[in-house]
Amino acid sequence: MTETWNFINTGSHDPYYNMAMDEALLNFVSRGEIDPVIRFYTWNPATLSVGYFQRLTKEIDIDKVKEKGFGLVRRQTGGRGVLHDKELTYSVIVPESHPDMPSTVTEAYRVISEGLLEGFKILGFDAYFAIPRSKEEREKLKQPRSAVCFDAPSWYELVVEGRKIAGSAQTRQKGVILQHGSLLQDVDVDELFDMFIFKNERLKDKMKKAFVDKAVAINDISDRHISIEEMEKAFEEGFKKGLDIDFKPLTLTDAQLAEVKELEEKYRSDDWLYKK
């Protein structure tokens, strides 16, 4: 019997709403109010999100971010800085106790990412999971030197033509797995690297080149322009196929929406952003 999960596309919102909604959905699943849920969303304005553990003032040029008119928010998941601009963002929220969810982060990541893999295939890409083979490669993964996400394929990262095509992060809280990530439609590498602090220009150029060699957006490798709407359709089907599930639309109650509103204030606060 195919299991039915919730599906919600919240459309385009500011960073505080986007992060609050992910956290709220985690709470609802944790309390047993809703079944597992997959959510799609986009960002307005374009936003730099930083990982939970990142040191903001050391790694990010905050004035630059403001100057460009971008939003700035701290995620509740780890990892490095991501510019959310021309992309479809997804989140998957499922109890840790779910029979199909492995107990290790890496294995659960692979299971959830099957949905992404199928989505890329529907869009016509020859995508596969990267598995770091050498001891050297595995060691490298333990030392994320760069503040910029997307520059190293880690375990089960999705790769097309040798370059990373989706960046995801996972957290486990209150008995629930939250995995969210960026499916890049287009990427402006110069724009992205302008917002990070580097010791010198040489290092910045080196990191930028490494990023371009390793990461790629859908429209960099497609022979036609793929729209966000097409991506939404493909990945909705991809998740159904990859996780062997059906979807029912999720409508939140007034009380649940009020909880989202409340959480927005947390993400808006300097206390959370700077982790004072």
Protein backbone atom coordinates (compact mmCIF):
# COMPACT_ATOMS: atom_id res chain seq x y z
CA MET A 1 0.00 0.00 0.00
CA THR A 2 1.35 3.37 -1.00
CA GLU A 3 1.53 5.77 1.93
CA THR A 4 0.01 9.26 1.57
CA TRP A 5 2.04 12.26 2.78
CA ASN A 6 1.11 15.92 2.97
CA PHE A 7 2.25 18.26 0.24
CA ILE A 8 2.32 22.05 0.42
CA ASN A 9 3.75 24.65 -1.95
CA THR A 10 3.93 27.89 0.02
CA GLY A 11 5.18 29.92 -2.96
CA SER A 12 7.36 33.00 -2.63
CA HIS A 13 7.99 34.53 0.80
CA ASP A 14 10.59 36.40 2.81
CA PRO A 15 13.34 34.48 4.63
CA TYR A 16 11.76 34.74 8.08
CA TYR A 17 8.51 33.18 6.94
CA ASN A 18 10.38 30.48 5.00
CA MET A 19 12.47 29.35 7.96
CA ALA A 20 9.56 29.72 10.43
CA MET A 21 7.34 27.54 8.25
CA ASP A 22 9.96 24.76 8.14
CA GLU A 23 10.32 24.85 11.93
CA ALA A 24 6.56 24.99 12.47
CA LEU A 25 5.98 21.97 10.20
CA LEU A 26 8.62 20.10 12.21
CA ASN A 27 6.66 20.96 15.39
CA PHE A 28 3.34 19.84 13.89
CA VAL A 29 4.83 16.49 12.80
CA SER A 30 6.51 16.09 16.20
CA ARG A 31 3.21 16.62 18.00
CA GLY A 32 1.43 14.18 15.69
CA GLU A 33 -0.87 16.91 14.32
CA ILE A 34 0.04 16.15 10.71
CA ASP A 35 1.49 13.27 8.69
CA PRO A 36 4.94 13.56 7.07
CA VAL A 37 5.09 16.55 4.75
CA ILE A 38 6.98 17.73 1.70
CA ARG A 39 7.07 21.44 1.07
CA PHE A 40 8.21 23.53 -1.92
CA TYR A 41 8.97 27.25 -1.71
CA THR A 42 10.87 30.18 -3.23
CA TRP A 43 12.41 33.37 -1.80
CA ASN A 44 11.57 37.06 -2.09
CA PRO A 45 13.88 38.90 -1.74
CA ALA A 46 16.79 36.67 -2.80
CA THR A 47 18.40 35.64 0.49
CA LEU A 48 21.70 34.46 1.88
CA SER A 49 21.02 31.76 4.46
CA VAL A 50 23.82 30.79 6.81
CA GLY A 51 24.22 27.47 8.60
CA TYR A 52 23.28 27.10 12.25
CA PHE A 53 26.93 26.92 13.37
CA GLN A 54 28.43 29.60 11.10
CA ARG A 55 30.12 32.61 12.64
CA LEU A 56 28.32 35.37 10.86
CA THR A 57 30.58 38.37 11.39
CA LYS A 58 33.74 36.36 10.67
CA GLU A 59 32.53 34.76 7.45
CA ILE A 60 29.91 37.06 5.93
CA ASP A 61 30.27 40.63 4.63
CA ILE A 62 26.98 41.84 6.09
CA ASP A 63 27.23 45.32 4.52
CA LYS A 64 27.62 43.72 1.10
CA VAL A 65 24.52 41.59 1.65
CA LYS A 66 22.50 44.70 2.60
CA GLU A 67 23.95 46.73 -0.26
CA LYS A 68 22.75 44.11 -2.73
CA GLY A 69 19.28 44.21 -1.20
CA PHE A 70 19.42 40.54 -0.22
CA GLY A 71 17.77 39.01 2.81
CA LEU A 72 19.92 37.39 5.50
CA VAL A 73 18.76 34.58 7.77
CA ARG A 74 20.22 31.80 9.90
CA ARG A 75 18.90 28.30 9.25
CA GLN A 76 18.32 25.70 11.92
CA THR A 77 20.32 23.22 9.84
CA GLY A 78 24.11 23.12 9.62
CA GLY A 79 26.22 23.60 6.54
CA ARG A 80 27.50 26.71 4.85
CA GLY A 81 26.21 29.87 3.21
CA VAL A 82 23.67 29.47 0.42
CA LEU A 83 22.31 32.20 -1.83
CA HIS A 84 18.64 31.44 -2.45
CA ASP A 85 17.76 33.23 -5.65
CA LYS A 86 16.76 31.45 -8.83
CA GLU A 87 15.96 28.11 -7.26
CA LEU A 88 13.26 25.82 -6.00
CA THR A 89 13.70 25.02 -2.32
CA TYR A 90 12.27 21.84 -0.87
CA SER A 91 11.86 20.51 2.64
CA VAL A 92 10.98 17.03 3.82
CA ILE A 93 9.71 16.59 7.37
CA VAL A 94 9.22 13.05 8.63
CA PRO A 95 9.35 11.30 12.04
CA GLU A 96 12.66 9.60 12.85
CA SER A 97 10.61 6.55 13.78
CA HIS A 98 9.20 6.21 10.25
CA PRO A 99 9.84 2.60 9.12
CA ASP A 100 11.48 3.75 5.86
CA MET A 101 13.89 6.18 7.54
CA PRO A 102 17.35 4.87 8.43
CA SER A 103 18.73 5.98 11.77
CA THR A 104 21.93 7.52 10.39
CA VAL A 105 21.88 10.99 8.85
CA THR A 106 23.78 9.85 5.77
CA GLU A 107 21.52 6.91 4.97
CA ALA A 108 18.33 8.91 5.62
CA TYR A 109 19.76 11.59 3.37
CA ARG A 110 20.13 9.02 0.61
CA VAL A 111 16.55 7.76 1.01
CA ILE A 112 15.06 11.27 0.92
CA SER A 113 17.29 12.29 -1.96
CA GLU A 114 15.87 9.46 -4.10
CA GLY A 115 13.00 11.89 -4.66
CA LEU A 116 15.40 14.50 -6.00
CA LEU A 117 17.18 11.96 -8.16
CA GLU A 118 13.90 10.96 -9.82
CA GLY A 119 12.99 14.62 -10.31
CA PHE A 120 16.23 15.31 -12.19
CA LYS A 121 15.63 12.24 -14.33
CA ILE A 122 12.13 13.50 -15.22
CA LEU A 123 13.76 16.77 -16.33
CA GLY A 124 16.00 14.71 -18.61
CA PHE A 125 19.27 14.75 -16.65
CA ASP A 126 21.58 11.84 -16.11
CA ALA A 127 21.89 12.33 -12.35
CA TYR A 128 23.50 10.00 -9.82
CA PHE A 129 24.70 9.93 -6.21
CA ALA A 130 28.32 10.79 -5.51
CA ILE A 131 30.04 8.48 -3.08
CA PRO A 132 33.46 9.70 -1.92
CA ARG A 133 35.75 6.77 -2.55
CA SER A 134 39.21 7.52 -1.31
CA LYS A 135 40.16 7.99 2.34
CA GLU A 136 41.46 11.40 1.31
CA GLU A 137 38.09 12.45 -0.09
CA ARG A 138 36.32 11.26 3.02
CA GLU A 139 38.76 13.11 5.30
CA LYS A 140 38.23 16.26 3.27
CA LEU A 141 34.52 16.14 3.97
CA LYS A 142 35.21 16.41 7.68
CA GLN A 143 36.96 19.75 7.25
CA PRO A 144 34.64 22.18 5.51
CA ARG A 145 37.17 24.93 4.90
CA SER A 146 34.99 27.17 2.83
CA ALA A 147 32.04 29.21 4.07
CA VAL A 148 30.28 28.60 0.77
CA CYS A 149 28.00 25.63 0.46
CA PHE A 150 27.93 23.62 -2.77
CA ASP A 151 31.68 23.44 -3.27
CA ALA A 152 32.23 19.82 -2.27
CA PRO A 153 30.12 16.83 -3.11
CA SER A 154 29.64 14.95 0.14
CA TRP A 155 28.09 11.54 0.73
CA TYR A 156 25.22 10.80 -1.63
CA GLU A 157 25.33 14.28 -3.10
CA LEU A 158 23.43 14.55 -6.36
CA VAL A 159 25.74 14.95 -9.31
CA VAL A 160 25.17 15.60 -13.01
CA GLU A 161 28.10 15.51 -15.43
CA GLY A 162 30.48 15.36 -12.48
CA ARG A 163 29.16 18.51 -10.80
CA LYS A 164 26.97 18.92 -7.75
CA ILE A 165 23.44 19.95 -8.67
CA ALA A 166 21.59 20.02 -5.33
CA GLY A 167 22.70 21.16 -1.89
CA SER A 168 20.85 19.83 1.13
CA ALA A 169 21.13 19.95 4.92
CA GLN A 170 19.49 17.91 7.64
CA THR A 171 18.63 18.36 11.29
CA ARG A 172 16.95 16.04 13.78
CA GLN A 173 14.92 17.58 16.57
CA LYS A 174 11.98 16.47 18.73
CA GLY A 175 12.02 13.01 17.12
CA VAL A 176 11.68 14.47 13.63
CA ILE A 177 13.97 14.64 10.58
CA LEU A 178 13.97 17.94 8.68
CA GLN A 179 15.89 17.94 5.43
CA HIS A 180 15.79 20.95 3.17
CA GLY A 181 17.80 22.02 0.19
CA SER A 182 18.26 24.11 -2.93
CA LEU A 183 17.56 22.98 -6.45
CA LEU A 184 19.36 25.62 -8.49
CA GLN A 185 17.69 26.93 -11.62
CA ASP A 186 20.45 29.50 -12.27
CA VAL A 187 23.40 30.72 -10.20
CA ASP A 188 25.40 33.96 -10.22
CA VAL A 189 28.76 32.91 -8.83
CA ASP A 190 30.25 36.44 -8.66
CA GLU A 191 27.25 37.67 -6.71
CA LEU A 192 27.55 34.81 -4.26
CA PHE A 193 31.28 35.15 -3.59
CA ASP A 194 31.04 38.90 -3.10
CA MET A 195 29.25 38.30 0.18
CA PHE A 196 31.87 36.14 1.88
CA ILE A 197 34.94 37.31 3.70
CA PHE A 198 38.23 35.92 2.37
CA LYS A 199 41.77 36.52 3.65
CA ASN A 200 42.76 37.83 0.23
CA GLU A 201 41.66 38.08 -3.41
CA ARG A 202 43.82 35.13 -4.43
CA LEU A 203 42.01 32.83 -2.03
CA LYS A 204 38.66 34.21 -3.16
CA ASP A 205 39.49 33.50 -6.82
CA LYS A 206 40.73 30.04 -5.97
CA MET A 207 37.54 29.20 -4.04
CA LYS A 208 35.38 30.67 -6.80
CA LYS A 209 37.10 28.54 -9.41
CA ALA A 210 36.70 25.44 -7.25
CA PHE A 211 33.00 26.23 -6.87
CA VAL A 212 32.48 26.58 -10.62
CA ASP A 213 34.33 23.32 -11.22
CA LYS A 214 32.19 21.46 -8.72
CA ALA A 215 28.72 23.04 -8.69
CA VAL A 216 26.22 23.65 -11.42
CA ALA A 217 22.69 24.97 -11.91
CA ILE A 218 20.05 23.24 -14.01
CA ASN A 219 20.12 25.84 -16.78
CA ASP A 220 23.92 25.67 -17.06
CA ILE A 221 23.64 22.15 -18.43
CA SER A 222 20.23 22.11 -20.05
CA ASP A 223 19.86 22.64 -23.77
CA ARG A 224 16.64 24.57 -23.08
CA HIS A 225 15.46 26.97 -20.38
CA ILE A 226 13.73 25.10 -17.55
CA SER A 227 11.20 27.16 -15.57
CA ILE A 228 10.46 26.96 -11.84
CA GLU A 229 6.98 25.63 -12.72
CA GLU A 230 8.55 22.76 -14.68
CA MET A 231 10.86 22.05 -11.77
CA GLU A 232 7.93 22.00 -9.34
CA LYS A 233 6.08 19.49 -11.47
CA ALA A 234 9.12 17.26 -12.00
CA PHE A 235 10.15 17.15 -8.35
CA GLU A 236 6.60 16.61 -7.12
CA GLU A 237 6.47 13.53 -9.35
CA GLY A 238 10.05 12.67 -8.41
CA PHE A 239 9.27 12.54 -4.69
CA LYS A 240 6.20 10.39 -5.29
CA LYS A 241 8.25 7.94 -7.31
CA GLY A 242 11.48 8.04 -5.29
CA LEU A 243 9.77 7.64 -1.90
CA ASP A 244 6.88 5.55 -3.18
CA ILE A 245 4.22 7.88 -1.77
CA ASP A 246 1.09 9.75 -2.81
CA PHE A 247 0.26 13.33 -1.85
CA LYS A 248 -2.69 15.03 -0.23
CA PRO A 249 -2.78 18.85 -0.06
CA LEU A 250 -2.00 20.32 3.36
CA THR A 251 -4.08 23.22 4.67
CA LEU A 252 -2.95 24.68 7.98
CA THR A 253 -5.36 25.66 10.73
CA ASP A 254 -5.56 29.20 12.13
CA ALA A 255 -3.74 28.04 15.26
CA GLN A 256 -0.95 26.52 13.16
CA LEU A 257 -0.62 29.69 11.07
CA ALA A 258 -0.39 31.71 14.30
CA GLU A 259 2.51 29.48 15.39
CA VAL A 260 4.30 30.20 12.09
CA LYS A 261 3.78 33.94 12.70
CA GLU A 262 5.27 33.64 16.18
CA LEU A 263 8.32 31.77 14.91
CA GLU A 264 8.91 34.46 12.26
CA GLU A 265 9.85 36.84 15.07
CA LYS A 266 12.59 34.48 16.19
CA TYR A 267 14.16 34.36 12.71
CA ARG A 268 13.81 38.12 12.38
CA SER A 269 15.68 38.78 15.64
CA ASP A 270 19.33 39.79 15.90
CA ASP A 271 19.68 37.37 18.81
CA TRP A 272 19.07 34.44 16.48
CA LEU A 273 20.95 35.86 13.49
CA TYR A 274 24.11 36.73 15.41
CA LYS A 275 23.62 33.95 17.98
CA LYS A 276 24.41 36.33 20.82
